[in-house]
Amino acid sequence: MKRATVKAGQTWADIAVEHYGSASAAVVLAMVNGASVSDIPRVGRTIRVPDGRFDTQMQSWVKQNGVSPSTQMDPYAKERIFTEEFTEEFQ
């Protein structure tokens, strides 16, 4: 079993993509580390990454390209859908 350190903005799904090439491994990662898949892992936390295969082709591509997803850091994920011009209508 490997170990990894949680990076800024990473969710369990991000870590799963980074290490397994598939977000479906998020449940396994969370369970092995005593967490719920909906929990946000603490930055800097050392987690256990069990051996396993989910999407070997994507896993290889991610590793070769140094991909390290961090969806919480994505500026588009934090944007609001409606601007101030819609505020009165939707209050």
PDB file of N, CA and C in Angstrom:
ATOM      1  N   MET A   1       0.844  -1.176   0.000  1.00  0.00           N
ATOM      2  CA  MET A   1       0.000   0.000   0.000  1.00  0.00           C
ATOM      3  C   MET A   1       0.892   1.243   0.000  1.00  0.00           C
ATOM      4  N   LYS A   2       0.571   2.176  -0.901  1.00  0.00           N
ATOM      5  CA  LYS A   2       1.315   3.427  -0.986  1.00  0.00           C
ATOM      6  C   LYS A   2       0.709   4.450  -0.029  1.00  0.00           C
ATOM      7  N   ARG A   3       1.408   5.546   0.117  1.00  0.00           N
ATOM      8  CA  ARG A   3       0.912   6.687   0.879  1.00  0.00           C
ATOM      9  C   ARG A   3       0.991   7.906  -0.026  1.00  0.00           C
ATOM     10  N   ALA A   4       0.122   8.860   0.228  1.00  0.00           N
ATOM     11  CA  ALA A   4       0.107  10.105  -0.544  1.00  0.00           C
ATOM     12  C   ALA A   4      -0.259  11.250   0.385  1.00  0.00           C
ATOM     13  N   THR A   5       0.089  12.449  -0.027  1.00  0.00           N
ATOM     14  CA  THR A   5      -0.240  13.640   0.735  1.00  0.00           C
ATOM     15  C   THR A   5      -1.315  14.412  -0.020  1.00  0.00           C
ATOM     16  N   VAL A   6      -2.361  14.798   0.686  1.00  0.00           N
ATOM     17  CA  VAL A   6      -3.454  15.556   0.092  1.00  0.00           C
ATOM     18  C   VAL A   6      -2.957  16.955  -0.254  1.00  0.00           C
ATOM     19  N   LYS A   7      -3.218  17.347  -1.511  1.00  0.00           N
ATOM     20  CA  LYS A   7      -2.808  18.671  -1.990  1.00  0.00           C
ATOM     21  C   LYS A   7      -3.970  19.655  -1.866  1.00  0.00           C
ATOM     22  N   ALA A   8      -3.652  20.925  -1.900  1.00  0.00           N
ATOM     23  CA  ALA A   8      -4.664  21.975  -1.799  1.00  0.00           C
ATOM     24  C   ALA A   8      -5.750  21.784  -2.847  1.00  0.00           C
ATOM     25  N   GLY A   9      -6.989  21.857  -2.409  1.00  0.00           N
ATOM     26  CA  GLY A   9      -8.130  21.794  -3.313  1.00  0.00           C
ATOM     27  C   GLY A   9      -8.564  20.403  -3.729  1.00  0.00           C
ATOM     28  N   GLN A  10      -7.923  19.364  -3.212  1.00  0.00           N
ATOM     29  CA  GLN A  10      -8.266  18.008  -3.645  1.00  0.00           C
ATOM     30  C   GLN A  10      -9.428  17.416  -2.851  1.00  0.00           C
ATOM     31  N   THR A  11     -10.277  16.735  -3.581  1.00  0.00           N
ATOM     32  CA  THR A  11     -11.350  15.939  -3.001  1.00  0.00           C
ATOM     33  C   THR A  11     -10.927  14.477  -3.115  1.00  0.00           C
ATOM     34  N   TRP A  12     -11.721  13.584  -2.557  1.00  0.00           N
ATOM     35  CA  TRP A  12     -11.404  12.150  -2.696  1.00  0.00           C
ATOM     36  C   TRP A  12     -11.421  11.749  -4.173  1.00  0.00           C
ATOM     37  N   ALA A  13     -12.328  12.336  -4.937  1.00  0.00           N
ATOM     38  CA  ALA A  13     -12.399  12.015  -6.372  1.00  0.00           C
ATOM     39  C   ALA A  13     -11.148  12.478  -7.105  1.00  0.00           C
ATOM     40  N   ASP A  14     -10.639  13.663  -6.750  1.00  0.00           N
ATOM     41  CA  ASP A  14      -9.405  14.157  -7.367  1.00  0.00           C
ATOM     42  C   ASP A  14      -8.239  13.212  -7.093  1.00  0.00           C
ATOM     43  N   ILE A  15      -8.142  12.783  -5.853  1.00  0.00           N
ATOM     44  CA  ILE A  15      -7.051  11.886  -5.465  1.00  0.00           C
ATOM     45  C   ILE A  15      -7.194  10.552  -6.191  1.00  0.00           C
ATOM     46  N   ALA A  16      -8.427  10.102  -6.333  1.00  0.00           N
ATOM     47  CA  ALA A  16      -8.681   8.846  -7.043  1.00  0.00           C
ATOM     48  C   ALA A  16      -8.241   8.944  -8.503  1.00  0.00           C
ATOM     49  N   VAL A  17      -8.541  10.056  -9.147  1.00  0.00           N
ATOM     50  CA  VAL A  17      -8.121  10.249 -10.541  1.00  0.00           C
ATOM     51  C   VAL A  17      -6.604  10.293 -10.625  1.00  0.00           C
ATOM     52  N   GLU A  18      -5.985  10.989  -9.696  1.00  0.00           N
ATOM     53  CA  GLU A  18      -4.524  11.111  -9.711  1.00  0.00           C
ATOM     54  C   GLU A  18      -3.835   9.759  -9.560  1.00  0.00           C
ATOM     55  N   HIS A  19      -4.365   8.898  -8.712  1.00  0.00           N
ATOM     56  CA  HIS A  19      -3.679   7.638  -8.419  1.00  0.00           C
ATOM     57  C   HIS A  19      -4.228   6.416  -9.162  1.00  0.00           C
ATOM     58  N   TYR A  20      -5.495   6.469  -9.572  1.00  0.00           N
ATOM     59  CA  TYR A  20      -6.107   5.308 -10.229  1.00  0.00           C
ATOM     60  C   TYR A  20      -6.635   5.600 -11.631  1.00  0.00           C
ATOM     61  N   GLY A  21      -6.698   6.886 -12.005  1.00  0.00           N
ATOM     62  CA  GLY A  21      -7.237   7.228 -13.316  1.00  0.00           C
ATOM     63  C   GLY A  21      -8.744   7.187 -13.372  1.00  0.00           C
ATOM     64  N   SER A  22      -9.411   7.105 -12.211  1.00  0.00           N
ATOM     65  CA  SER A  22     -10.858   7.010 -12.182  1.00  0.00           C
ATOM     66  C   SER A  22     -11.422   7.561 -10.881  1.00  0.00           C
ATOM     67  N   ALA A  23     -12.418   8.420 -11.010  1.00  0.00           N
ATOM     68  CA  ALA A  23     -13.072   8.985  -9.822  1.00  0.00           C
ATOM     69  C   ALA A  23     -13.848   7.925  -9.051  1.00  0.00           C
ATOM     70  N   SER A  24     -14.162   6.806  -9.702  1.00  0.00           N
ATOM     71  CA  SER A  24     -14.916   5.752  -9.015  1.00  0.00           C
ATOM     72  C   SER A  24     -14.132   5.135  -7.864  1.00  0.00           C
ATOM     73  N   ALA A  25     -12.830   5.343  -7.826  1.00  0.00           N
ATOM     74  CA  ALA A  25     -12.007   4.831  -6.729  1.00  0.00           C
ATOM     75  C   ALA A  25     -12.117   5.700  -5.480  1.00  0.00           C
ATOM     76  N   ALA A  26     -12.823   6.818  -5.562  1.00  0.00           N
ATOM     77  CA  ALA A  26     -12.950   7.736  -4.426  1.00  0.00           C
ATOM     78  C   ALA A  26     -13.558   7.052  -3.212  1.00  0.00           C
ATOM     79  N   VAL A  27     -14.542   6.214  -3.432  1.00  0.00           N
ATOM     80  CA  VAL A  27     -15.197   5.513  -2.323  1.00  0.00           C
ATOM     81  C   VAL A  27     -14.202   4.617  -1.601  1.00  0.00           C
ATOM     82  N   VAL A  28     -13.408   3.883  -2.354  1.00  0.00           N
ATOM     83  CA  VAL A  28     -12.395   2.993  -1.767  1.00  0.00           C
ATOM     84  C   VAL A  28     -11.397   3.812  -0.952  1.00  0.00           C
ATOM     85  N   LEU A  29     -10.894   4.898  -1.526  1.00  0.00           N
ATOM     86  CA  LEU A  29      -9.925   5.742  -0.827  1.00  0.00           C
ATOM     87  C   LEU A  29     -10.493   6.287   0.478  1.00  0.00           C
ATOM     88  N   ALA A  30     -11.695   6.817   0.404  1.00  0.00           N
ATOM     89  CA  ALA A  30     -12.312   7.384   1.604  1.00  0.00           C
ATOM     90  C   ALA A  30     -12.488   6.316   2.681  1.00  0.00           C
ATOM     91  N   MET A  31     -13.004   5.170   2.304  1.00  0.00           N
ATOM     92  CA  MET A  31     -13.233   4.095   3.283  1.00  0.00           C
ATOM     93  C   MET A  31     -11.942   3.634   3.938  1.00  0.00           C
ATOM     94  N   VAL A  32     -10.907   3.417   3.146  1.00  0.00           N
ATOM     95  CA  VAL A  32      -9.618   2.950   3.672  1.00  0.00           C
ATOM     96  C   VAL A  32      -9.031   3.968   4.649  1.00  0.00           C
ATOM     97  N   ASN A  33      -9.375   5.240   4.441  1.00  0.00           N
ATOM     98  CA  ASN A  33      -8.834   6.296   5.288  1.00  0.00           C
ATOM     99  C   ASN A  33      -9.819   6.764   6.361  1.00  0.00           C
ATOM    100  N   GLY A  34     -10.871   5.967   6.585  1.00  0.00           N
ATOM    101  CA  GLY A  34     -11.815   6.247   7.660  1.00  0.00           C
ATOM    102  C   GLY A  34     -12.644   7.494   7.457  1.00  0.00           C
ATOM    103  N   ALA A  35     -12.973   7.785   6.208  1.00  0.00           N
ATOM    104  CA  ALA A  35     -13.743   8.988   5.903  1.00  0.00           C
ATOM    105  C   ALA A  35     -14.937   8.643   5.024  1.00  0.00           C
ATOM    106  N   SER A  36     -15.803   9.600   4.862  1.00  0.00           N
ATOM    107  CA  SER A  36     -16.916   9.483   3.929  1.00  0.00           C
ATOM    108  C   SER A  36     -16.473  10.104   2.614  1.00  0.00           C
ATOM    109  N   VAL A  37     -16.983   9.601   1.518  1.00  0.00           N
ATOM    110  CA  VAL A  37     -16.602  10.142   0.212  1.00  0.00           C
ATOM    111  C   VAL A  37     -17.015  11.609   0.073  1.00  0.00           C
ATOM    112  N   SER A  38     -17.991  12.048   0.851  1.00  0.00           N
ATOM    113  CA  SER A  38     -18.420  13.447   0.790  1.00  0.00           C
ATOM    114  C   SER A  38     -17.572  14.368   1.667  1.00  0.00           C
ATOM    115  N   ASP A  39     -16.710  13.796   2.511  1.00  0.00           N
ATOM    116  CA  ASP A  39     -15.801  14.604   3.329  1.00  0.00           C
ATOM    117  C   ASP A  39     -14.704  15.205   2.444  1.00  0.00           C
ATOM    118  N   ILE A  40     -14.233  16.371   2.813  1.00  0.00           N
ATOM    119  CA  ILE A  40     -13.108  16.983   2.122  1.00  0.00           C
ATOM    120  C   ILE A  40     -11.852  16.664   2.934  1.00  0.00           C
ATOM    121  N   PRO A  41     -10.904  15.939   2.339  1.00  0.00           N
ATOM    122  CA  PRO A  41      -9.693  15.604   3.100  1.00  0.00           C
ATOM    123  C   PRO A  41      -8.855  16.852   3.404  1.00  0.00           C
ATOM    124  N   ARG A  42      -8.258  16.872   4.571  1.00  0.00           N
ATOM    125  CA  ARG A  42      -7.445  18.005   5.032  1.00  0.00           C
ATOM    126  C   ARG A  42      -6.159  18.093   4.219  1.00  0.00           C
ATOM    127  N   VAL A  43      -5.825  19.289   3.774  1.00  0.00           N
ATOM    128  CA  VAL A  43      -4.595  19.532   3.023  1.00  0.00           C
ATOM    129  C   VAL A  43      -3.397  19.147   3.891  1.00  0.00           C
ATOM    130  N   GLY A  44      -2.473  18.414   3.295  1.00  0.00           N
ATOM    131  CA  GLY A  44      -1.272  17.985   4.002  1.00  0.00           C
ATOM    132  C   GLY A  44      -1.416  16.652   4.712  1.00  0.00           C
ATOM    133  N   ARG A  45      -2.630  16.144   4.783  1.00  0.00           N
ATOM    134  CA  ARG A  45      -2.868  14.855   5.432  1.00  0.00           C
ATOM    135  C   ARG A  45      -2.210  13.745   4.622  1.00  0.00           C
ATOM    136  N   THR A  46      -1.568  12.820   5.316  1.00  0.00           N
ATOM    137  CA  THR A  46      -1.010  11.643   4.654  1.00  0.00           C
ATOM    138  C   THR A  46      -2.092  10.571   4.653  1.00  0.00           C
ATOM    139  N   ILE A  47      -2.410  10.080   3.469  1.00  0.00           N
ATOM    140  CA  ILE A  47      -3.459   9.067   3.342  1.00  0.00           C
ATOM    141  C   ILE A  47      -2.886   7.767   2.797  1.00  0.00           C
ATOM    142  N   ARG A  48      -3.634   6.693   3.027  1.00  0.00           N
ATOM    143  CA  ARG A  48      -3.262   5.394   2.469  1.00  0.00           C
ATOM    144  C   ARG A  48      -3.901   5.242   1.097  1.00  0.00           C
ATOM    145  N   VAL A  49      -3.119   4.740   0.159  1.00  0.00           N
ATOM    146  CA  VAL A  49      -3.589   4.513  -1.212  1.00  0.00           C
ATOM    147  C   VAL A  49      -3.356   3.038  -1.518  1.00  0.00           C
ATOM    148  N   PRO A  50      -4.398   2.209  -1.352  1.00  0.00           N
ATOM    149  CA  PRO A  50      -4.221   0.777  -1.575  1.00  0.00           C
ATOM    150  C   PRO A  50      -3.949   0.446  -3.039  1.00  0.00           C
ATOM    151  N   ASP A  51      -3.287  -0.665  -3.242  1.00  0.00           N
ATOM    152  CA  ASP A  51      -3.052  -1.145  -4.603  1.00  0.00           C
ATOM    153  C   ASP A  51      -4.403  -1.461  -5.234  1.00  0.00           C
ATOM    154  N   GLY A  52      -4.529  -1.195  -6.497  1.00  0.00           N
ATOM    155  CA  GLY A  52      -5.770  -1.490  -7.192  1.00  0.00           C
ATOM    156  C   GLY A  52      -5.728  -0.948  -8.601  1.00  0.00           C
ATOM    157  N   ARG A  53      -6.649  -1.430  -9.421  1.00  0.00           N
ATOM    158  CA  ARG A  53      -6.750  -0.985 -10.811  1.00  0.00           C
ATOM    159  C   ARG A  53      -8.195  -0.635 -11.112  1.00  0.00           C
ATOM    160  N   PHE A  54      -8.367   0.526 -11.708  1.00  0.00           N
ATOM    161  CA  PHE A  54      -9.700   0.970 -12.089  1.00  0.00           C
ATOM    162  C   PHE A  54      -9.732   1.294 -13.574  1.00  0.00           C
ATOM    163  N   ASP A  55      -8.850   2.178 -14.018  1.00  0.00           N
ATOM    164  CA  ASP A  55      -8.758   2.544 -15.431  1.00  0.00           C
ATOM    165  C   ASP A  55      -7.266   2.687 -15.748  1.00  0.00           C
ATOM    166  N   THR A  56      -6.655   1.592 -16.129  1.00  0.00           N
ATOM    167  CA  THR A  56      -5.203   1.573 -16.305  1.00  0.00           C
ATOM    168  C   THR A  56      -4.714   2.508 -17.408  1.00  0.00           C
ATOM    169  N   GLN A  57      -5.490   2.662 -18.467  1.00  0.00           N
ATOM    170  CA  GLN A  57      -5.085   3.549 -19.552  1.00  0.00           C
ATOM    171  C   GLN A  57      -5.051   4.998 -19.057  1.00  0.00           C
ATOM    172  N   MET A  58      -6.097   5.417 -18.370  1.00  0.00           N
ATOM    173  CA  MET A  58      -6.133   6.786 -17.843  1.00  0.00           C
ATOM    174  C   MET A  58      -5.110   6.957 -16.722  1.00  0.00           C
ATOM    175  N   GLN A  59      -4.927   5.935 -15.921  1.00  0.00           N
ATOM    176  CA  GLN A  59      -3.938   5.975 -14.841  1.00  0.00           C
ATOM    177  C   GLN A  59      -2.545   6.247 -15.411  1.00  0.00           C
ATOM    178  N   SER A  60      -2.205   5.575 -16.493  1.00  0.00           N
ATOM    179  CA  SER A  60      -0.909   5.782 -17.147  1.00  0.00           C
ATOM    180  C   SER A  60      -0.791   7.193 -17.703  1.00  0.00           C
ATOM    181  N   TRP A  61      -1.858   7.674 -18.363  1.00  0.00           N
ATOM    182  CA  TRP A  61      -1.835   9.008 -18.944  1.00  0.00           C
ATOM    183  C   TRP A  61      -1.658  10.064 -17.861  1.00  0.00           C
ATOM    184  N   VAL A  62      -2.398   9.922 -16.765  1.00  0.00           N
ATOM    185  CA  VAL A  62      -2.320  10.878 -15.654  1.00  0.00           C
ATOM    186  C   VAL A  62      -0.901  10.918 -15.101  1.00  0.00           C
ATOM    187  N   LYS A  63      -0.324   9.754 -14.914  1.00  0.00           N
ATOM    188  CA  LYS A  63       1.031   9.675 -14.363  1.00  0.00           C
ATOM    189  C   LYS A  63       2.058  10.286 -15.335  1.00  0.00           C
ATOM    190  N   GLN A  64       1.956   9.942 -16.611  1.00  0.00           N
ATOM    191  CA  GLN A  64       2.895  10.448 -17.615  1.00  0.00           C
ATOM    192  C   GLN A  64       2.826  11.963 -17.767  1.00  0.00           C
ATOM    193  N   ASN A  65       1.642  12.533 -17.547  1.00  0.00           N
ATOM    194  CA  ASN A  65       1.444  13.964 -17.745  1.00  0.00           C
ATOM    195  C   ASN A  65       1.447  14.764 -16.440  1.00  0.00           C
ATOM    196  N   GLY A  66       1.724  14.096 -15.341  1.00  0.00           N
ATOM    197  CA  GLY A  66       1.818  14.784 -14.058  1.00  0.00           C
ATOM    198  C   GLY A  66       0.545  15.487 -13.636  1.00  0.00           C
ATOM    199  N   VAL A  67      -0.592  14.880 -13.957  1.00  0.00           N
ATOM    200  CA  VAL A  67      -1.884  15.479 -13.625  1.00  0.00           C
ATOM    201  C   VAL A  67      -2.176  15.289 -12.139  1.00  0.00           C
ATOM    202  N   SER A  68      -2.581  16.382 -11.508  1.00  0.00           N
ATOM    203  CA  SER A  68      -2.929  16.362 -10.093  1.00  0.00           C
ATOM    204  C   SER A  68      -4.173  17.223  -9.900  1.00  0.00           C
ATOM    205  N   PRO A  69      -5.358  16.655 -10.144  1.00  0.00           N
ATOM    206  CA  PRO A  69      -6.586  17.449 -10.088  1.00  0.00           C
ATOM    207  C   PRO A  69      -6.840  18.057  -8.708  1.00  0.00           C
ATOM    208  N   SER A  70      -7.418  19.235  -8.723  1.00  0.00           N
ATOM    209  CA  SER A  70      -7.830  19.885  -7.475  1.00  0.00           C
ATOM    210  C   SER A  70      -9.061  20.728  -7.766  1.00  0.00           C
ATOM    211  N   THR A  71     -10.200  20.075  -7.813  1.00  0.00           N
ATOM    212  CA  THR A  71     -11.433  20.742  -8.238  1.00  0.00           C
ATOM    213  C   THR A  71     -11.866  21.867  -7.320  1.00  0.00           C
ATOM    214  N   GLN A  72     -11.483  21.830  -6.076  1.00  0.00           N
ATOM    215  CA  GLN A  72     -11.869  22.923  -5.188  1.00  0.00           C
ATOM    216  C   GLN A  72     -11.141  24.207  -5.528  1.00  0.00           C
ATOM    217  N   MET A  73     -10.044  24.115  -6.243  1.00  0.00           N
ATOM    218  CA  MET A  73      -9.271  25.297  -6.620  1.00  0.00           C
ATOM    219  C   MET A  73      -9.730  25.862  -7.960  1.00  0.00           C
ATOM    220  N   ASP A  74     -10.665  25.191  -8.623  1.00  0.00           N
ATOM    221  CA  ASP A  74     -11.146  25.609  -9.935  1.00  0.00           C
ATOM    222  C   ASP A  74     -11.975  26.882  -9.798  1.00  0.00           C
ATOM    223  N   PRO A  75     -11.541  27.986 -10.396  1.00  0.00           N
ATOM    224  CA  PRO A  75     -12.289  29.237 -10.244  1.00  0.00           C
ATOM    225  C   PRO A  75     -13.694  29.156 -10.832  1.00  0.00           C
ATOM    226  N   TYR A  76     -13.910  28.314 -11.836  1.00  0.00           N
ATOM    227  CA  TYR A  76     -15.226  28.198 -12.449  1.00  0.00           C
ATOM    228  C   TYR A  76     -16.216  27.496 -11.524  1.00  0.00           C
ATOM    229  N   ALA A  77     -15.728  26.629 -10.668  1.00  0.00           N
ATOM    230  CA  ALA A  77     -16.616  25.927  -9.749  1.00  0.00           C
ATOM    231  C   ALA A  77     -17.184  26.879  -8.701  1.00  0.00           C
ATOM    232  N   LYS A  78     -16.530  28.000  -8.478  1.00  0.00           N
ATOM    233  CA  LYS A  78     -16.969  28.939  -7.455  1.00  0.00           C
ATOM    234  C   LYS A  78     -17.802  30.086  -8.010  1.00  0.00           C
ATOM    235  N   GLU A  79     -17.916  30.160  -9.325  1.00  0.00           N
ATOM    236  CA  GLU A  79     -18.693  31.252  -9.910  1.00  0.00           C
ATOM    237  C   GLU A  79     -20.172  31.053  -9.642  1.00  0.00           C
ATOM    238  N   ARG A  80     -20.868  32.163  -9.532  1.00  0.00           N
ATOM    239  CA  ARG A  80     -22.310  32.098  -9.336  1.00  0.00           C
ATOM    240  C   ARG A  80     -22.989  31.977 -10.698  1.00  0.00           C
ATOM    241  N   ILE A  81     -24.119  31.314 -10.713  1.00  0.00           N
ATOM    242  CA  ILE A  81     -24.857  31.151 -11.963  1.00  0.00           C
ATOM    243  C   ILE A  81     -25.513  32.461 -12.367  1.00  0.00           C
ATOM    244  N   PHE A  82     -26.124  33.136 -11.408  1.00  0.00           N
ATOM    245  CA  PHE A  82     -26.830  34.373 -11.703  1.00  0.00           C
ATOM    246  C   PHE A  82     -26.022  35.570 -11.218  1.00  0.00           C
ATOM    247  N   THR A  83     -25.975  36.592 -12.037  1.00  0.00           N
ATOM    248  CA  THR A  83     -25.298  37.821 -11.648  1.00  0.00           C
ATOM    249  C   THR A  83     -26.292  38.704 -10.901  1.00  0.00           C
ATOM    250  N   GLU A  84     -25.854  39.878 -10.501  1.00  0.00           N
ATOM    251  CA  GLU A  84     -26.702  40.791  -9.744  1.00  0.00           C
ATOM    252  C   GLU A  84     -27.971  41.175 -10.505  1.00  0.00           C
ATOM    253  N   GLU A  85     -27.946  41.155 -11.822  1.00  0.00           N
ATOM    254  CA  GLU A  85     -29.122  41.565 -12.592  1.00  0.00           C
ATOM    255  C   GLU A  85     -30.320  40.653 -12.344  1.00  0.00           C
ATOM    256  N   PHE A  86     -30.089  39.448 -11.820  1.00  0.00           N
ATOM    257  CA  PHE A  86     -31.189  38.528 -11.545  1.00  0.00           C
ATOM    258  C   PHE A  86     -31.574  38.482 -10.059  1.00  0.00           C
ATOM    259  N   THR A  87     -30.836  39.179  -9.233  1.00  0.00           N
ATOM    260  CA  THR A  87     -31.024  39.077  -7.795  1.00  0.00           C
ATOM    261  C   THR A  87     -32.468  39.316  -7.360  1.00  0.00           C
ATOM    262  N   GLU A  88     -33.072  40.403  -7.798  1.00  0.00           N
ATOM    263  CA  GLU A  88     -34.440  40.729  -7.370  1.00  0.00           C
ATOM    264  C   GLU A  88     -35.420  39.643  -7.774  1.00  0.00           C
ATOM    265  N   GLU A  89     -35.267  39.116  -8.966  1.00  0.00           N
ATOM    266  CA  GLU A  89     -36.193  38.105  -9.471  1.00  0.00           C
ATOM    267  C   GLU A  89     -36.151  36.818  -8.652  1.00  0.00           C
ATOM    268  N   PHE A  90     -35.001  36.461  -8.118  1.00  0.00           N
ATOM    269  CA  PHE A  90     -34.856  35.154  -7.472  1.00  0.00           C
ATOM    270  C   PHE A  90     -34.725  35.219  -5.960  1.00  0.00           C
ATOM    271  N   GLN A  91     -35.084  36.342  -5.358  1.00  0.00           N
ATOM    272  CA  GLN A  91     -35.020  36.430  -3.895  1.00  0.00           C
ATOM    273  C   GLN A  91     -36.295  35.977  -3.272  1.00  0.00           C
TER     274      GLN A  91
END
